[in-house]
Every structure is written in structure tokens, then in C-alpha cells.
């Protein structure tokens, strides 16, 4: 027995409805993807007996067109009608870095009205983590240049106010981004409202210097997300080459978390996540260090 097609109030089947559907009856915002591409790079160390210090860096592009001409923005672009969000993010990432098949995670969707002076734009941000030794940069179509910026943050102050059914906590965080030629900055206010069992968090740009659009908010959110995930996942290994020493791995954890770690405690923390090799890195000035590699089966051992 053939099931009769369902009809709506106008007597249309789904096929008839779709054939006559008028998409122009609703205004459609533009959709973009913005990429937060992080890496960890070595800095110069004058003492040859020590490992080179590392810094967390983020990729920015200098805008070559209005709006925000000459300011720095996250790499990204508009999503075409025939590609998914992840396909657009992968395409934009390859355009800027010549890399694919790397760590990519959807972070958040940003939809404040007026966030782009051109038109109504909704943007989904993605975090990408790359090994700096594999990078080769090139600027996209609307960018003059693409460069790495050292990223640091500092909590300026915090207030906490009691409400009848919870609390409101306000934190002000300063972002500083710099390389050999440019210094950028922004201050973000993060407001966390607890009302009964409901928790809501919002971000507001208090001031910004040479960072385009609302990208300072995206950067602060992504850095907070990265710090949270490094504590309980294997996300840090996306920033490492295939072979690394435990000292180098500890440096990556420290630069992301913004604090020093005890070597013995760190080694216990990552013991299940690494595999020992029979290869050594020979350093000038101190003893060779054993190389390790990531253990993809570490979750099966816990």
C-alpha cells in the first residue's frame, strides 16, 4: 500500500512547496569563517646551554581594502553557497598557510548586529594548530601581507557582585600582540552572569588598537579555550613536530598556560601521551635528550 504524501494547509505536497518556494521573502545575512591559527615558535637564546625559549604566536593579515584598511585581522573569508562551513575554513586555511590536514576545531559563532560595517555578517570562528616548522605563508585576496604576532594577555582587574539569585563577575583582560614591526593591543571585558542554574558569558571590546572588526574578542576567547583544553586533551601535540624532547613539550605547555611547571609533575602528567624512541637530540653545551613521539592510543590506556 502506497503511503499518501502529506500536504500543508495550502494543499501542497513537499515537492510542490519547494518548487514554488520564494527565498527572497527573507533577508539573508552573509556568512563568513574566521581562522585563529596558532603556532609555537623558538625565540633567540644567547645562552647556548639552554633550550631556546618559545612563544605563542597567532597569524594575522593586514587588510588591503576597506573597511579597516591597513589594520590587522584574522584570516578568513565568505562562505560560498555550495560549500560547508568546514570546507570554507579548510579552503581559507590552505590559502593563507599552504597547509591542510591539520588540527581544526569550530569554536563559536559571532552574530552581533553591526559587527561588520559592510553588511549583516555572521561569522563562525575556527581554531587551527600548526607545527611552525611546516609553515609557508602567503596573503589572501584582500590582504597586503600575512604575519605572525607574539600573543600575550594579562588580567587587569576583576569585580564580583552578588545578585538576588546569583552573581555577576566582570574581568578586564589586556591583549598584546607584537612582532618586529608592529604592536597591537586590545582590552576586553568578560562578564559572567550566574542566575540560579543558568550561566551566561559575554565579551565586550573596551578599546582596541589596530585590530579590525571584533577580532580581539575572538582572539581572547580562543586563547581561553586553548588553555582550557590543553589541561585534559592531547591538543598540544598538534603544535609539535613528529619527534620532540620532553623539555620542548613542557615549554609548549608553559607558554600556553602562562606559568612554569615542575618537570617531574609534568612528566607524570604526559607519560601516557608519549612514546619513547631510541633517537636523541644532540645539543651543543649539554647532554643529549631523548626524542619522544605522540602516542595516539593514549586514551585506550586510561
Protein backbone atom coordinates (compact mmCIF):
# COMPACT_ATOMS: atom_id res chain seq x y z
CA UNK A 1 0.00 0.00 0.00
CA UNK A 2 1.48 3.34 -1.08
CA UNK A 3 1.56 5.99 1.64
CA UNK A 4 -0.21 9.19 0.62
CA UNK A 5 2.00 12.29 0.52
CA UNK A 6 1.39 14.74 3.34
CA UNK A 7 0.07 18.16 2.33
CA UNK A 8 0.21 21.51 4.13
CA UNK A 9 -2.65 23.93 4.79
CA UNK A 10 -2.43 25.14 1.19
CA UNK A 11 -2.84 21.59 -0.09
CA UNK A 12 0.77 21.35 -1.30
CA UNK A 13 3.00 18.32 -1.14
CA UNK A 14 6.61 18.91 -0.07
CA UNK A 15 7.72 18.71 -3.70
CA UNK A 16 5.16 21.33 -4.76
CA UNK A 17 6.06 23.58 -1.82
CA UNK A 18 9.78 23.52 -2.62
CA UNK A 19 9.15 24.12 -6.33
CA UNK A 20 7.34 27.41 -5.60
CA UNK A 21 9.31 28.50 -2.52
CA UNK A 22 10.48 32.12 -2.69
CA UNK A 23 13.74 32.52 -0.76
CA UNK A 24 13.74 36.29 -1.34
CA UNK A 25 10.91 36.78 1.17
CA UNK A 26 13.51 36.66 3.96
CA UNK A 27 16.62 38.82 4.18
CA UNK A 28 19.72 36.66 4.21
CA UNK A 29 22.87 37.74 6.06
CA UNK A 30 26.31 36.97 4.70
CA UNK A 31 28.23 34.14 6.35
CA UNK A 32 31.99 34.10 6.90
CA UNK A 33 34.60 31.93 8.57
CA UNK A 34 37.47 33.41 10.58
CA UNK A 35 40.59 31.42 11.39
CA UNK A 36 42.55 31.58 14.64
CA UNK A 37 45.79 29.94 13.56
CA UNK A 38 48.15 29.31 16.49
CA UNK A 39 51.71 28.05 16.49
CA UNK A 40 54.64 27.99 18.91
CA UNK A 41 58.00 29.31 17.72
CA UNK A 42 61.50 29.43 19.12
CA UNK A 43 62.91 32.77 20.23
CA UNK A 44 66.59 33.64 20.23
CA UNK A 45 68.57 32.36 23.22
CA UNK A 46 72.03 33.81 23.87
CA UNK A 47 72.98 31.07 26.36
CA UNK A 48 73.80 28.07 24.17
CA UNK A 49 73.48 25.75 27.18
CA UNK A 50 69.74 26.38 27.41
CA UNK A 51 66.83 25.41 25.18
CA UNK A 52 65.60 28.29 23.07
CA UNK A 53 62.61 29.95 24.76
CA UNK A 54 59.30 29.61 22.94
CA UNK A 55 56.42 32.00 22.33
CA UNK A 56 52.80 31.50 21.34
CA UNK A 57 52.02 33.20 18.04
CA UNK A 58 48.88 33.88 16.05
CA UNK A 59 48.54 34.53 12.34
CA UNK A 60 47.10 37.89 11.26
CA UNK A 61 46.66 39.51 7.86
CA UNK A 62 46.97 43.21 7.09
CA UNK A 63 43.83 44.39 5.36
CA UNK A 64 44.41 45.73 1.88
CA UNK A 65 40.86 47.01 1.38
CA UNK A 66 38.14 48.91 3.22
CA UNK A 67 36.81 48.56 5.86
CA UNK A 68 39.68 48.75 8.37
CA UNK A 69 42.21 49.37 5.60
CA UNK A 70 45.74 48.92 6.97
CA UNK A 71 44.59 47.24 10.20
CA UNK A 72 45.24 43.63 11.17
CA UNK A 73 42.58 40.92 11.08
CA UNK A 74 42.19 37.19 11.38
CA UNK A 75 42.47 35.34 8.07
CA UNK A 76 39.10 34.31 6.75
CA UNK A 77 36.51 34.89 4.08
CA UNK A 78 32.96 34.50 2.88
CA UNK A 79 31.31 31.10 2.62
CA UNK A 80 30.07 30.26 -0.86
CA UNK A 81 26.56 28.82 -1.34
CA UNK A 82 27.98 25.47 -2.40
CA UNK A 83 30.41 24.71 0.44
CA UNK A 84 30.05 23.78 4.09
CA UNK A 85 31.48 25.88 6.90
CA UNK A 86 34.31 23.40 7.41
CA UNK A 87 35.08 23.33 3.68
CA UNK A 88 35.30 27.12 3.68
CA UNK A 89 37.54 27.10 6.75
CA UNK A 90 39.82 24.47 5.20
CA UNK A 91 40.00 26.45 1.96
CA UNK A 92 40.88 29.70 3.74
CA UNK A 93 43.47 27.96 5.89
CA UNK A 94 45.18 26.47 2.83
CA UNK A 95 45.09 29.85 1.07
CA UNK A 96 46.96 31.52 3.94
CA UNK A 97 49.34 28.75 5.07
CA UNK A 98 49.56 26.19 2.23
CA UNK A 99 48.64 23.57 4.83
CA UNK A 100 45.81 21.08 5.04
CA UNK A 101 45.02 18.04 7.14
CA UNK A 102 45.90 19.83 10.38
CA UNK A 103 44.06 20.32 13.67
CA UNK A 104 40.89 22.34 13.07
CA UNK A 105 38.13 22.97 15.61
CA UNK A 106 34.98 25.05 15.38
CA UNK A 107 34.92 27.49 18.29
CA UNK A 108 31.99 29.90 18.29
CA UNK A 109 29.55 31.81 16.11
CA UNK A 110 29.60 35.61 16.31
CA UNK A 111 26.42 37.40 15.28
CA UNK A 112 26.25 40.85 16.87
CA UNK A 113 24.39 43.34 14.69
CA UNK A 114 26.79 45.94 13.28
CA UNK A 115 29.93 43.84 13.73
CA UNK A 116 30.79 44.44 10.06
CA UNK A 117 30.11 47.90 8.57
CA UNK A 118 29.62 46.48 5.06
CA UNK A 119 26.52 44.41 5.68
CA UNK A 120 24.94 41.97 8.11
CA UNK A 121 27.59 39.30 8.65
CA UNK A 122 27.52 36.20 10.84
CA UNK A 123 30.92 34.60 11.37
CA UNK A 124 31.92 31.18 12.64
CA UNK A 125 35.41 31.08 14.12
CA UNK A 126 37.74 28.09 13.85
CA UNK A 127 40.93 27.34 15.77
CA UNK A 128 43.82 25.75 13.87
CA UNK A 129 47.03 24.49 15.49
CA UNK A 130 50.11 24.04 13.34
CA UNK A 131 53.71 22.95 13.72
CA UNK A 132 55.76 26.04 12.88
CA UNK A 133 58.41 24.04 11.02
CA UNK A 134 55.89 23.19 8.27
CA UNK A 135 54.64 26.71 7.58
CA UNK A 136 54.86 28.84 4.45
CA UNK A 137 52.70 31.97 4.48
CA UNK A 138 51.00 33.87 1.70
CA UNK A 139 48.41 36.63 1.96
CA UNK A 140 44.88 36.17 0.62
CA UNK A 141 43.00 38.28 -1.94
CA UNK A 142 42.01 41.19 0.33
CA UNK A 143 45.22 41.25 2.39
CA UNK A 144 48.52 43.04 1.81
CA UNK A 145 50.55 40.64 3.93
CA UNK A 146 50.30 37.81 6.44
CA UNK A 147 52.48 37.78 9.54
CA UNK A 148 52.90 36.01 12.88
CA UNK A 149 52.37 38.00 16.07
CA UNK A 150 53.55 37.01 19.53
CA UNK A 151 50.44 36.81 21.73
CA UNK A 152 50.32 37.62 25.43
CA UNK A 153 47.49 38.51 27.79
CA UNK A 154 47.18 39.98 31.26
CA UNK A 155 44.21 40.18 33.62
CA UNK A 156 43.86 43.84 34.66
CA UNK A 157 41.13 43.66 37.30
CA UNK A 158 38.11 41.69 38.45
CA UNK A 159 34.89 42.61 40.25
CA UNK A 160 32.22 40.30 41.65
CA UNK A 161 28.74 41.46 42.59
CA UNK A 162 26.05 39.45 44.36
CA UNK A 163 22.55 39.41 42.87
CA UNK A 164 19.31 38.04 44.36
CA UNK A 165 19.76 34.70 42.58
CA UNK A 166 23.46 34.56 41.75
CA UNK A 167 26.50 36.67 40.89
CA UNK A 168 27.90 38.92 38.18
CA UNK A 169 31.66 38.68 37.67
CA UNK A 170 33.44 41.18 35.43
CA UNK A 171 37.05 40.70 34.31
CA UNK A 172 39.14 43.03 32.20
CA UNK A 173 41.86 41.38 30.13
CA UNK A 174 44.52 43.09 28.07
CA UNK A 175 45.77 41.52 24.85
CA UNK A 176 49.17 42.42 23.45
CA UNK A 177 50.32 41.26 20.03
CA UNK A 178 53.72 42.15 18.63
CA UNK A 179 56.33 41.26 16.06
CA UNK A 180 59.46 43.01 14.82
CA UNK A 181 57.49 45.77 13.06
CA UNK A 182 54.09 46.18 14.72
CA UNK A 183 52.49 46.34 18.15
CA UNK A 184 48.75 45.78 18.55
CA UNK A 185 46.59 45.78 21.66
CA UNK A 186 43.05 45.49 22.97
CA UNK A 187 41.17 45.44 26.25
CA UNK A 188 38.27 43.01 26.58
CA UNK A 189 35.66 42.94 29.35
CA UNK A 190 34.39 39.43 30.07
CA UNK A 191 31.13 39.34 32.01
CA UNK A 192 29.97 36.08 33.60
CA UNK A 193 26.41 36.13 34.94
CA UNK A 194 25.19 33.30 37.17
CA UNK A 195 21.42 33.30 37.68
CA UNK A 196 20.25 30.22 39.52
CA UNK A 197 21.40 27.31 37.36
CA UNK A 198 21.89 29.47 34.27
CA UNK A 199 25.39 30.73 33.42
CA UNK A 200 25.88 33.30 30.67
CA UNK A 201 29.15 34.81 29.44
CA UNK A 202 29.55 37.85 27.20
CA UNK A 203 32.50 39.80 25.82
CA UNK A 204 32.85 43.48 25.04
CA UNK A 205 35.74 45.34 23.41
CA UNK A 206 36.61 48.24 25.71
CA UNK A 207 39.37 49.56 23.47
CA UNK A 208 41.39 48.28 20.54
CA UNK A 209 44.47 49.40 18.67
CA UNK A 210 44.87 48.33 15.02
CA UNK A 211 42.85 45.09 15.36
CA UNK A 212 39.99 45.03 12.84
CA UNK A 213 36.32 44.18 13.32
CA UNK A 214 35.53 42.31 16.58
CA UNK A 215 38.51 40.02 16.15
CA UNK A 216 40.03 41.00 19.51
CA UNK A 217 37.09 39.23 21.18
CA UNK A 218 37.67 36.15 19.06
CA UNK A 219 41.36 36.07 19.95
CA UNK A 220 40.71 36.35 23.70
CA UNK A 221 38.04 33.63 23.56
CA UNK A 222 40.25 31.28 21.54
CA UNK A 223 43.20 31.73 23.91
CA UNK A 224 40.96 30.92 26.87
CA UNK A 225 39.62 27.85 25.05
CA UNK A 226 43.13 26.68 24.15
CA UNK A 227 44.28 26.95 27.76
CA UNK A 228 41.30 25.01 28.99
CA UNK A 229 41.66 22.16 26.51
CA UNK A 230 45.40 21.69 26.93
CA UNK A 231 44.79 20.52 30.51
CA UNK A 232 42.65 17.49 29.62
CA UNK A 233 43.21 16.69 25.92
CA UNK A 234 46.13 15.96 23.59
CA UNK A 235 45.67 19.26 21.74
CA UNK A 236 49.23 20.41 22.48
CA UNK A 237 50.69 17.72 20.22
CA UNK A 238 49.18 19.45 17.18
CA UNK A 239 51.81 22.13 17.80
CA UNK A 240 54.71 19.67 17.94
CA UNK A 241 56.87 18.13 15.21
CA UNK A 242 56.84 14.34 14.86
CA UNK A 243 59.85 13.98 17.19
CA UNK A 244 60.37 16.16 20.26
CA UNK A 245 62.03 16.13 23.66
CA UNK A 246 60.04 16.26 26.89
CA UNK A 247 61.72 19.58 27.62
CA UNK A 248 60.40 21.03 24.37
CA UNK A 249 56.92 19.67 25.08
CA UNK A 250 56.98 21.20 28.56
CA UNK A 251 57.92 24.56 27.06
CA UNK A 252 54.84 24.43 24.83
CA UNK A 253 52.58 23.72 27.81
CA UNK A 254 54.20 26.54 29.79
CA UNK A 255 53.92 29.17 27.08
CA UNK A 256 50.22 28.39 26.53
CA UNK A 257 49.33 28.20 30.23
CA UNK A 258 51.45 31.25 31.05
CA UNK A 259 53.19 29.63 34.00
CA UNK A 260 56.16 27.41 34.83
CA UNK A 261 55.61 23.71 35.55
CA UNK A 262 57.59 21.32 37.72
CA UNK A 263 59.45 18.90 35.45
CA UNK A 264 58.72 15.76 37.50
CA UNK A 265 55.00 16.52 37.76
CA UNK A 266 54.81 17.37 34.07
CA UNK A 267 56.44 14.10 33.05
CA UNK A 268 53.88 12.16 35.08
CA UNK A 269 51.08 14.20 33.50
CA UNK A 270 52.10 13.38 29.92
CA UNK A 271 53.51 9.87 30.46
CA UNK A 272 50.57 8.11 28.78
CA UNK A 273 50.52 10.55 25.85
CA UNK A 274 54.09 9.97 24.62
CA UNK A 275 56.12 7.08 23.25
CA UNK A 276 59.85 6.83 23.86
CA UNK A 277 62.14 6.41 20.84
CA UNK A 278 65.75 5.32 20.54
CA UNK A 279 66.75 8.61 18.95
CA UNK A 280 68.45 11.55 20.66
CA UNK A 281 68.74 15.25 20.08
CA UNK A 282 72.31 16.39 20.49
CA UNK A 283 72.59 19.87 21.98
CA UNK A 284 75.72 21.94 21.97
CA UNK A 285 76.68 22.60 25.56
CA UNK A 286 74.68 19.92 27.38
CA UNK A 287 73.75 16.25 27.40
CA UNK A 288 71.76 14.72 24.52
CA UNK A 289 67.99 14.49 25.14
CA UNK A 290 65.88 11.52 24.13
CA UNK A 291 63.26 12.05 21.45
CA UNK A 292 59.62 11.11 22.00
CA UNK A 293 56.61 10.97 19.73
CA UNK A 294 52.87 11.30 20.32
CA UNK A 295 51.01 8.17 21.43
CA UNK A 296 47.69 8.17 19.52
CA UNK A 297 46.40 5.26 21.63
CA UNK A 298 46.81 7.04 24.97
CA UNK A 299 43.05 7.26 25.55
CA UNK A 300 42.80 3.46 25.37
CA UNK A 301 45.20 3.20 28.32
CA UNK A 302 43.21 5.38 30.71
